[in-house]
Amino acid sequence: MTLIDGLGLAGFVIACVVAASSGAIFKPGAWYEGLAKPWWRPPNWLFPPAWTLLYCMIAASGWLVWRKAGFSGAALPLAIYGIQLVLNAMWSGVFFGLRRMDLAFVNVSALWVSIAALIALFSPIDSLAAWLLVPYLAWVSFAAFLNYTVWRMNPNAPA
C-alpha cells in the first residue's frame, strides 16, 4: 500500500467516524425507553457493535472504489457515497434529538435509496465494494421497518 492509498483509507475511515459520532451524540435515552416497541426489537447493546462493523465495511467500500477509479473516475458514485453518509449521520439527530419518528422514517427511506443506488454504481467499478454494502442495505432495511413500526405504535408520542 502506498502512502497515498493509506491516506485515502484514513480519509474514508475518518468520514465514517464523523458520521458515526451522531449516534454517540444523540442517544436513545428515557424518551425512547418510554415508547412502545415491537417484541422483535434487538437489545440496545447490539446496535454499537453492528454499526461498528458496518462502518468498517462502508469505509472499505468507498476506499476500494476511490483506489480503483479515483475521484474523477468515480465522481457520481463517490458523491452518492457522501450523501448516504450525511443521511446516515442525520438519522440519530432526527429520531432521538428532534424526536420526529415521521421525519426519521423519511430520512431512513432516502438513506435506503442512496445505498441501493450506491451498490448499483459501485458494482461496475469494484464488485467487492458493492458486496460490502449489501449487509448495510439489509441492516438499514431492518432499521427502516423498526423506525416505521415504533412510529406507528406511538402515534401520540410527545416530541
C-alpha atoms as a PDB file:
ATOM      1  CA  MET A   1       0.000   0.000   0.000  1.00  0.00           C
ATOM      2  CA  THR A   2       1.362   3.392  -0.959  1.00  0.00           C
ATOM      3  CA  LEU A   3       1.278   6.471   1.255  1.00  0.00           C
ATOM      4  CA  ILE A   4      -1.489   7.929  -0.919  1.00  0.00           C
ATOM      5  CA  ASP A   5      -3.519   4.713  -0.550  1.00  0.00           C
ATOM      6  CA  GLY A   6      -3.051   4.823   3.223  1.00  0.00           C
ATOM      7  CA  LEU A   7      -4.079   8.465   3.419  1.00  0.00           C
ATOM      8  CA  GLY A   8      -7.113   7.716   1.260  1.00  0.00           C
ATOM      9  CA  LEU A   9      -8.131   4.864   3.544  1.00  0.00           C
ATOM     10  CA  ALA A  10      -7.665   7.122   6.568  1.00  0.00           C
ATOM     11  CA  GLY A  11      -9.919   9.702   4.912  1.00  0.00           C
ATOM     12  CA  PHE A  12     -12.715   7.186   4.382  1.00  0.00           C
ATOM     13  CA  VAL A  13     -12.357   5.895   7.944  1.00  0.00           C
ATOM     14  CA  ILE A  14     -12.470   9.445   9.341  1.00  0.00           C
ATOM     15  CA  ALA A  15     -15.578  10.235   7.265  1.00  0.00           C
ATOM     16  CA  CYS A  16     -17.294   7.166   8.724  1.00  0.00           C
ATOM     17  CA  VAL A  17     -16.208   8.057  12.269  1.00  0.00           C
ATOM     18  CA  VAL A  18     -17.685  11.535  11.811  1.00  0.00           C
ATOM     19  CA  ALA A  19     -20.970  10.027  10.573  1.00  0.00           C
ATOM     20  CA  ALA A  20     -20.983   7.526  13.444  1.00  0.00           C
ATOM     21  CA  SER A  21     -20.449  10.270  16.008  1.00  0.00           C
ATOM     22  CA  SER A  22     -24.077  11.342  15.654  1.00  0.00           C
ATOM     23  CA  GLY A  23     -25.047   8.043  17.271  1.00  0.00           C
ATOM     24  CA  ALA A  24     -22.846   8.921  20.238  1.00  0.00           C
ATOM     25  CA  ILE A  25     -24.253  12.446  20.464  1.00  0.00           C
ATOM     26  CA  PHE A  26     -27.940  11.540  20.101  1.00  0.00           C
ATOM     27  CA  LYS A  27     -28.588   8.503  22.302  1.00  0.00           C
ATOM     28  CA  PRO A  28     -31.896   6.716  22.909  1.00  0.00           C
ATOM     29  CA  GLY A  29     -32.398   7.947  26.480  1.00  0.00           C
ATOM     30  CA  ALA A  30     -35.532   7.982  28.619  1.00  0.00           C
ATOM     31  CA  TRP A  31     -37.796   9.247  25.820  1.00  0.00           C
ATOM     32  CA  TYR A  32     -37.038   6.200  23.657  1.00  0.00           C
ATOM     33  CA  GLU A  33     -37.248   3.797  26.587  1.00  0.00           C
ATOM     34  CA  GLY A  34     -40.759   5.111  27.295  1.00  0.00           C
ATOM     35  CA  LEU A  35     -42.013   4.324  23.797  1.00  0.00           C
ATOM     36  CA  ALA A  36     -43.914   1.182  22.884  1.00  0.00           C
ATOM     37  CA  LYS A  37     -41.654  -1.054  20.814  1.00  0.00           C
ATOM     38  CA  PRO A  38     -42.174  -4.334  18.961  1.00  0.00           C
ATOM     39  CA  TRP A  39     -41.186  -7.573  20.644  1.00  0.00           C
ATOM     40  CA  TRP A  40     -38.634  -8.265  17.898  1.00  0.00           C
ATOM     41  CA  ARG A  41     -36.586  -5.105  18.526  1.00  0.00           C
ATOM     42  CA  PRO A  42     -32.944  -6.022  19.175  1.00  0.00           C
ATOM     43  CA  PRO A  43     -31.467  -5.065  22.546  1.00  0.00           C
ATOM     44  CA  ASN A  44     -29.792  -1.646  22.662  1.00  0.00           C
ATOM     45  CA  TRP A  45     -26.347  -3.186  23.268  1.00  0.00           C
ATOM     46  CA  LEU A  46     -26.449  -4.826  19.809  1.00  0.00           C
ATOM     47  CA  PHE A  47     -26.517  -1.569  17.851  1.00  0.00           C
ATOM     48  CA  PRO A  48     -22.978  -0.251  18.584  1.00  0.00           C
ATOM     49  CA  PRO A  49     -21.110  -3.421  17.524  1.00  0.00           C
ATOM     50  CA  ALA A  50     -23.358  -3.875  14.482  1.00  0.00           C
ATOM     51  CA  TRP A  51     -22.783  -0.291  13.368  1.00  0.00           C
ATOM     52  CA  THR A  52     -19.046  -0.527  14.044  1.00  0.00           C
ATOM     53  CA  LEU A  53     -18.752  -3.487  11.684  1.00  0.00           C
ATOM     54  CA  LEU A  54     -20.955  -1.781   9.096  1.00  0.00           C
ATOM     55  CA  TYR A  55     -18.954   1.460   9.224  1.00  0.00           C
ATOM     56  CA  CYS A  56     -15.736  -0.522   8.657  1.00  0.00           C
ATOM     57  CA  MET A  57     -17.342  -2.107   5.592  1.00  0.00           C
ATOM     58  CA  ILE A  58     -18.665   1.261   4.379  1.00  0.00           C
ATOM     59  CA  ALA A  59     -15.201   2.829   4.693  1.00  0.00           C
ATOM     60  CA  ALA A  60     -13.535  -0.099   2.916  1.00  0.00           C
ATOM     61  CA  SER A  61     -16.127   0.016   0.145  1.00  0.00           C
ATOM     62  CA  GLY A  62     -15.609   3.696  -0.578  1.00  0.00           C
ATOM     63  CA  TRP A  63     -11.847   3.317  -0.424  1.00  0.00           C
ATOM     64  CA  LEU A  64     -11.842   0.403  -2.888  1.00  0.00           C
ATOM     65  CA  VAL A  65     -13.793   2.443  -5.441  1.00  0.00           C
ATOM     66  CA  TRP A  66     -11.627   5.525  -4.916  1.00  0.00           C
ATOM     67  CA  ARG A  67      -8.463   3.451  -5.199  1.00  0.00           C
ATOM     68  CA  LYS A  68      -9.626   1.832  -8.433  1.00  0.00           C
ATOM     69  CA  ALA A  69     -11.231   4.834 -10.187  1.00  0.00           C
ATOM     70  CA  GLY A  70     -10.135   7.952  -8.296  1.00  0.00           C
ATOM     71  CA  PHE A  71     -12.316  10.949  -7.580  1.00  0.00           C
ATOM     72  CA  SER A  72     -12.531  11.940 -11.237  1.00  0.00           C
ATOM     73  CA  GLY A  73     -13.311   8.419 -12.459  1.00  0.00           C
ATOM     74  CA  ALA A  74     -15.978   7.810  -9.828  1.00  0.00           C
ATOM     75  CA  ALA A  75     -17.318  11.313  -9.219  1.00  0.00           C
ATOM     76  CA  LEU A  76     -21.017  10.367  -9.187  1.00  0.00           C
ATOM     77  CA  PRO A  77     -20.638   7.189  -7.088  1.00  0.00           C
ATOM     78  CA  LEU A  78     -18.444   8.983  -4.556  1.00  0.00           C
ATOM     79  CA  ALA A  79     -20.877  11.920  -4.412  1.00  0.00           C
ATOM     80  CA  ILE A  80     -23.680   9.447  -3.624  1.00  0.00           C
ATOM     81  CA  TYR A  81     -21.330   7.878  -1.057  1.00  0.00           C
ATOM     82  CA  GLY A  82     -21.048  11.269   0.648  1.00  0.00           C
ATOM     83  CA  ILE A  83     -24.803  11.806   0.506  1.00  0.00           C
ATOM     84  CA  GLN A  84     -25.505   8.456   2.158  1.00  0.00           C
ATOM     85  CA  LEU A  85     -23.033   9.290   4.938  1.00  0.00           C
ATOM     86  CA  VAL A  86     -24.822  12.594   5.564  1.00  0.00           C
ATOM     87  CA  LEU A  87     -28.228  10.877   5.576  1.00  0.00           C
ATOM     88  CA  ASN A  88     -26.836   8.219   7.907  1.00  0.00           C
ATOM     89  CA  ALA A  89     -25.473  10.848  10.295  1.00  0.00           C
ATOM     90  CA  MET A  90     -28.757  12.775  10.259  1.00  0.00           C
ATOM     91  CA  TRP A  91     -30.981   9.903  11.346  1.00  0.00           C
ATOM     92  CA  SER A  92     -29.986   9.803  15.036  1.00  0.00           C
ATOM     93  CA  GLY A  93     -30.447  13.548  15.359  1.00  0.00           C
ATOM     94  CA  VAL A  94     -33.870  13.453  13.727  1.00  0.00           C
ATOM     95  CA  PHE A  95     -35.132  10.389  15.618  1.00  0.00           C
ATOM     96  CA  PHE A  96     -33.545  10.814  19.065  1.00  0.00           C
ATOM     97  CA  GLY A  97     -32.692  14.527  19.030  1.00  0.00           C
ATOM     98  CA  LEU A  98     -35.784  16.044  17.417  1.00  0.00           C
ATOM     99  CA  ARG A  99     -37.938  13.047  18.404  1.00  0.00           C
ATOM    100  CA  ARG A 100     -39.524  13.105  14.969  1.00  0.00           C
ATOM    101  CA  MET A 101     -40.151   9.483  14.093  1.00  0.00           C
ATOM    102  CA  ASP A 102     -42.044  10.525  10.957  1.00  0.00           C
ATOM    103  CA  LEU A 103     -39.191  12.607   9.560  1.00  0.00           C
ATOM    104  CA  ALA A 104     -36.713   9.946  10.652  1.00  0.00           C
ATOM    105  CA  PHE A 105     -38.632   7.442   8.534  1.00  0.00           C
ATOM    106  CA  VAL A 106     -38.406   9.774   5.529  1.00  0.00           C
ATOM    107  CA  ASN A 107     -34.684  10.122   6.251  1.00  0.00           C
ATOM    108  CA  VAL A 108     -34.051   6.382   6.541  1.00  0.00           C
ATOM    109  CA  SER A 109     -36.061   5.797   3.354  1.00  0.00           C
ATOM    110  CA  ALA A 110     -33.832   8.257   1.487  1.00  0.00           C
ATOM    111  CA  LEU A 111     -30.812   6.547   3.047  1.00  0.00           C
ATOM    112  CA  TRP A 112     -32.062   3.185   1.765  1.00  0.00           C
ATOM    113  CA  VAL A 113     -32.436   4.566  -1.769  1.00  0.00           C
ATOM    114  CA  SER A 114     -28.950   6.087  -1.644  1.00  0.00           C
ATOM    115  CA  ILE A 115     -27.391   2.792  -0.502  1.00  0.00           C
ATOM    116  CA  ALA A 116     -29.206   0.832  -3.221  1.00  0.00           C
ATOM    117  CA  ALA A 117     -28.009   3.367  -5.804  1.00  0.00           C
ATOM    118  CA  LEU A 118     -24.501   3.164  -4.391  1.00  0.00           C
ATOM    119  CA  ILE A 119     -24.428  -0.618  -4.757  1.00  0.00           C
ATOM    120  CA  ALA A 120     -25.540  -0.272  -8.390  1.00  0.00           C
ATOM    121  CA  LEU A 121     -22.959   2.457  -9.074  1.00  0.00           C
ATOM    122  CA  PHE A 122     -20.091   0.694  -7.282  1.00  0.00           C
ATOM    123  CA  SER A 123     -20.711  -2.698  -8.894  1.00  0.00           C
ATOM    124  CA  PRO A 124     -19.185  -1.967 -12.331  1.00  0.00           C
ATOM    125  CA  ILE A 125     -16.163  -0.318 -10.702  1.00  0.00           C
ATOM    126  CA  ASP A 126     -15.417  -2.866  -7.978  1.00  0.00           C
ATOM    127  CA  SER A 127     -17.727  -5.786  -7.225  1.00  0.00           C
ATOM    128  CA  LEU A 128     -16.245  -6.338  -3.748  1.00  0.00           C
ATOM    129  CA  ALA A 129     -17.007  -2.714  -2.877  1.00  0.00           C
ATOM    130  CA  ALA A 130     -20.622  -3.260  -3.928  1.00  0.00           C
ATOM    131  CA  TRP A 131     -20.938  -6.520  -1.966  1.00  0.00           C
ATOM    132  CA  LEU A 132     -19.503  -4.866   1.144  1.00  0.00           C
ATOM    133  CA  LEU A 133     -22.573  -2.604   1.149  1.00  0.00           C
ATOM    134  CA  VAL A 134     -25.158  -5.400   0.978  1.00  0.00           C
ATOM    135  CA  PRO A 135     -25.167  -6.041   4.773  1.00  0.00           C
ATOM    136  CA  TYR A 136     -25.532  -2.271   5.268  1.00  0.00           C
ATOM    137  CA  LEU A 137     -28.579  -2.230   2.978  1.00  0.00           C
ATOM    138  CA  ALA A 138     -30.037  -5.207   4.848  1.00  0.00           C
ATOM    139  CA  TRP A 139     -29.479  -3.539   8.231  1.00  0.00           C
ATOM    140  CA  VAL A 140     -30.960  -0.239   7.052  1.00  0.00           C
ATOM    141  CA  SER A 141     -33.958  -2.163   5.662  1.00  0.00           C
ATOM    142  CA  PHE A 142     -34.481  -3.624   9.120  1.00  0.00           C
ATOM    143  CA  ALA A 143     -33.867  -0.236  10.779  1.00  0.00           C
ATOM    144  CA  ALA A 144     -36.427   1.404   8.479  1.00  0.00           C
ATOM    145  CA  PHE A 145     -39.014  -1.228   9.373  1.00  0.00           C
ATOM    146  CA  LEU A 146     -38.238  -0.766  13.073  1.00  0.00           C
ATOM    147  CA  ASN A 147     -38.457   3.033  12.727  1.00  0.00           C
ATOM    148  CA  TYR A 148     -41.821   2.705  10.959  1.00  0.00           C
ATOM    149  CA  THR A 149     -43.172   0.213  13.487  1.00  0.00           C
ATOM    150  CA  VAL A 150     -42.181   2.298  16.528  1.00  0.00           C
ATOM    151  CA  TRP A 151     -43.652   5.396  14.875  1.00  0.00           C
ATOM    152  CA  ARG A 152     -46.970   3.632  14.182  1.00  0.00           C
ATOM    153  CA  MET A 153     -47.061   2.110  17.688  1.00  0.00           C
ATOM    154  CA  ASN A 154     -46.680   5.591  19.216  1.00  0.00           C
ATOM    155  CA  PRO A 155     -48.929   7.922  17.190  1.00  0.00           C
ATOM    156  CA  ASN A 156     -49.257  10.430  20.032  1.00  0.00           C
ATOM    157  CA  ALA A 157     -45.725  10.251  21.414  1.00  0.00           C
ATOM    158  CA  PRO A 158     -44.526  13.579  22.796  1.00  0.00           C
ATOM    159  CA  ALA A 159     -41.711  15.197  20.876  1.00  0.00           C
END
